[in-house]
């Protein structure tokens, strides 16, 4: 149960990092 919850948190962190990185890149190129 704890491991599954940890995986969800890790996935959320990865998604947030991807969105932040994509936002930075789009601002850089525009």
PDB file of N, CA and C in Angstrom:
ATOM      1  N   UNK A   1       0.838  -1.207   0.000  1.00  0.00           N
ATOM      2  CA  UNK A   1       0.000   0.000   0.000  1.00  0.00           C
ATOM      3  C   UNK A   1       0.878   1.265   0.000  1.00  0.00           C
ATOM      4  N   UNK A   2       1.861   1.279   0.868  1.00  0.00           N
ATOM      5  CA  UNK A   2       2.755   2.427   0.957  1.00  0.00           C
ATOM      6  C   UNK A   2       3.585   2.574  -0.316  1.00  0.00           C
ATOM      7  N   UNK A   3       4.033   1.452  -0.859  1.00  0.00           N
ATOM      8  CA  UNK A   3       4.838   1.485  -2.075  1.00  0.00           C
ATOM      9  C   UNK A   3       4.025   2.006  -3.264  1.00  0.00           C
ATOM     10  N   UNK A   4       2.763   1.580  -3.347  1.00  0.00           N
ATOM     11  CA  UNK A   4       1.895   2.052  -4.423  1.00  0.00           C
ATOM     12  C   UNK A   4       1.667   3.561  -4.312  1.00  0.00           C
ATOM     13  N   UNK A   5       1.459   4.031  -3.086  1.00  0.00           N
ATOM     14  CA  UNK A   5       1.271   5.460  -2.850  1.00  0.00           C
ATOM     15  C   UNK A   5       2.527   6.250  -3.208  1.00  0.00           C
ATOM     16  N   UNK A   6       3.692   5.707  -2.877  1.00  0.00           N
ATOM     17  CA  UNK A   6       4.965   6.340  -3.208  1.00  0.00           C
ATOM     18  C   UNK A   6       5.141   6.449  -4.720  1.00  0.00           C
ATOM     19  N   UNK A   7       4.746   5.392  -5.446  1.00  0.00           N
ATOM     20  CA  UNK A   7       4.844   5.415  -6.905  1.00  0.00           C
ATOM     21  C   UNK A   7       3.957   6.509  -7.501  1.00  0.00           C
ATOM     22  N   UNK A   8       2.766   6.704  -6.940  1.00  0.00           N
ATOM     23  CA  UNK A   8       1.874   7.767  -7.420  1.00  0.00           C
ATOM     24  C   UNK A   8       2.491   9.144  -7.177  1.00  0.00           C
ATOM     25  N   UNK A   9       3.080   9.338  -6.013  1.00  0.00           N
ATOM     26  CA  UNK A   9       3.733  10.612  -5.694  1.00  0.00           C
ATOM     27  C   UNK A   9       4.902  10.855  -6.642  1.00  0.00           C
ATOM     28  N   UNK A  10       5.693   9.825  -6.890  1.00  0.00           N
ATOM     29  CA  UNK A  10       6.836   9.932  -7.789  1.00  0.00           C
ATOM     30  C   UNK A  10       6.376  10.286  -9.198  1.00  0.00           C
ATOM     31  N   UNK A  11       5.302   9.657  -9.662  1.00  0.00           N
ATOM     32  CA  UNK A  11       4.741   9.937 -10.987  1.00  0.00           C
ATOM     33  C   UNK A  11       4.270  11.393 -11.066  1.00  0.00           C
ATOM     34  N   UNK A  12       3.612  11.875 -10.018  1.00  0.00           N
ATOM     35  CA  UNK A  12       3.156  13.271  -9.989  1.00  0.00           C
ATOM     36  C   UNK A  12       4.327  14.244 -10.057  1.00  0.00           C
ATOM     37  N   UNK A  13       5.406  13.948  -9.336  1.00  0.00           N
ATOM     38  CA  UNK A  13       6.600  14.800  -9.358  1.00  0.00           C
ATOM     39  C   UNK A  13       7.202  14.836 -10.762  1.00  0.00           C
ATOM     40  N   UNK A  14       7.285  13.671 -11.413  1.00  0.00           N
ATOM     41  CA  UNK A  14       7.833  13.592 -12.773  1.00  0.00           C
ATOM     42  C   UNK A  14       6.987  14.414 -13.744  1.00  0.00           C
ATOM     43  N   UNK A  15       5.661  14.305 -13.622  1.00  0.00           N
ATOM     44  CA  UNK A  15       4.757  15.068 -14.494  1.00  0.00           C
ATOM     45  C   UNK A  15       4.953  16.573 -14.286  1.00  0.00           C
ATOM     46  N   UNK A  16       5.045  16.998 -13.040  1.00  0.00           N
ATOM     47  CA  UNK A  16       5.254  18.423 -12.742  1.00  0.00           C
ATOM     48  C   UNK A  16       6.575  18.919 -13.326  1.00  0.00           C
ATOM     49  N   UNK A  17       7.638  18.123 -13.197  1.00  0.00           N
ATOM     50  CA  UNK A  17       8.941  18.491 -13.753  1.00  0.00           C
ATOM     51  C   UNK A  17       8.870  18.608 -15.279  1.00  0.00           C
ATOM     52  N   UNK A  18       8.179  17.650 -15.924  1.00  0.00           N
ATOM     53  CA  UNK A  18       8.031  17.710 -17.375  1.00  0.00           C
ATOM     54  C   UNK A  18       7.274  18.959 -17.811  1.00  0.00           C
ATOM     55  N   UNK A  19       6.191  19.292 -17.115  1.00  0.00           N
ATOM     56  CA  UNK A  19       5.406  20.486 -17.450  1.00  0.00           C
ATOM     57  C   UNK A  19       6.253  21.749 -17.253  1.00  0.00           C
ATOM     58  N   UNK A  20       7.000  21.815 -16.153  1.00  0.00           N
ATOM     59  CA  UNK A  20       7.854  22.966 -15.878  1.00  0.00           C
ATOM     60  C   UNK A  20       8.945  23.107 -16.942  1.00  0.00           C
ATOM     61  N   UNK A  21       9.577  22.001 -17.304  1.00  0.00           N
ATOM     62  CA  UNK A  21      10.644  22.016 -18.312  1.00  0.00           C
ATOM     63  C   UNK A  21      10.084  22.437 -19.680  1.00  0.00           C
ATOM     64  N   UNK A  22       8.913  21.913 -20.026  1.00  0.00           N
ATOM     65  CA  UNK A  22       8.277  22.257 -21.305  1.00  0.00           C
ATOM     66  C   UNK A  22       7.915  23.734 -21.346  1.00  0.00           C
ATOM     67  N   UNK A  23       7.434  24.266 -20.230  1.00  0.00           N
ATOM     68  CA  UNK A  23       7.090  25.688 -20.129  1.00  0.00           C
ATOM     69  C   UNK A  23       8.331  26.560 -20.306  1.00  0.00           C
ATOM     70  N   UNK A  24       9.427  26.167 -19.679  1.00  0.00           N
ATOM     71  CA  UNK A  24      10.684  26.906 -19.826  1.00  0.00           C
ATOM     72  C   UNK A  24      11.174  26.879 -21.270  1.00  0.00           C
ATOM     73  N   UNK A  25      11.106  25.704 -21.904  1.00  0.00           N
ATOM     74  CA  UNK A  25      11.561  25.570 -23.289  1.00  0.00           C
ATOM     75  C   UNK A  25      10.697  26.391 -24.248  1.00  0.00           C
ATOM     76  N   UNK A  26       9.389  26.375 -24.044  1.00  0.00           N
ATOM     77  CA  UNK A  26       8.501  27.132 -24.927  1.00  0.00           C
ATOM     78  C   UNK A  26       8.752  28.645 -24.787  1.00  0.00           C
ATOM     79  N   UNK A  27       9.049  29.108 -23.576  1.00  0.00           N
ATOM     80  CA  UNK A  27       9.375  30.519 -23.375  1.00  0.00           C
ATOM     81  C   UNK A  27      10.722  30.869 -24.012  1.00  0.00           C
ATOM     82  N   UNK A  28      11.635  29.934 -23.989  1.00  0.00           N
ATOM     83  CA  UNK A  28      12.959  30.151 -24.554  1.00  0.00           C
ATOM     84  C   UNK A  28      12.888  30.310 -26.074  1.00  0.00           C
ATOM     85  N   UNK A  29      12.081  29.509 -26.734  1.00  0.00           N
ATOM     86  CA  UNK A  29      12.015  29.523 -28.200  1.00  0.00           C
ATOM     87  C   UNK A  29      11.082  30.573 -28.779  1.00  0.00           C
ATOM     88  N   UNK A  30      10.135  31.065 -27.978  1.00  0.00           N
ATOM     89  CA  UNK A  30       9.205  32.066 -28.504  1.00  0.00           C
ATOM     90  C   UNK A  30       9.793  33.473 -28.302  1.00  0.00           C
TER      91      UNK A  30
END
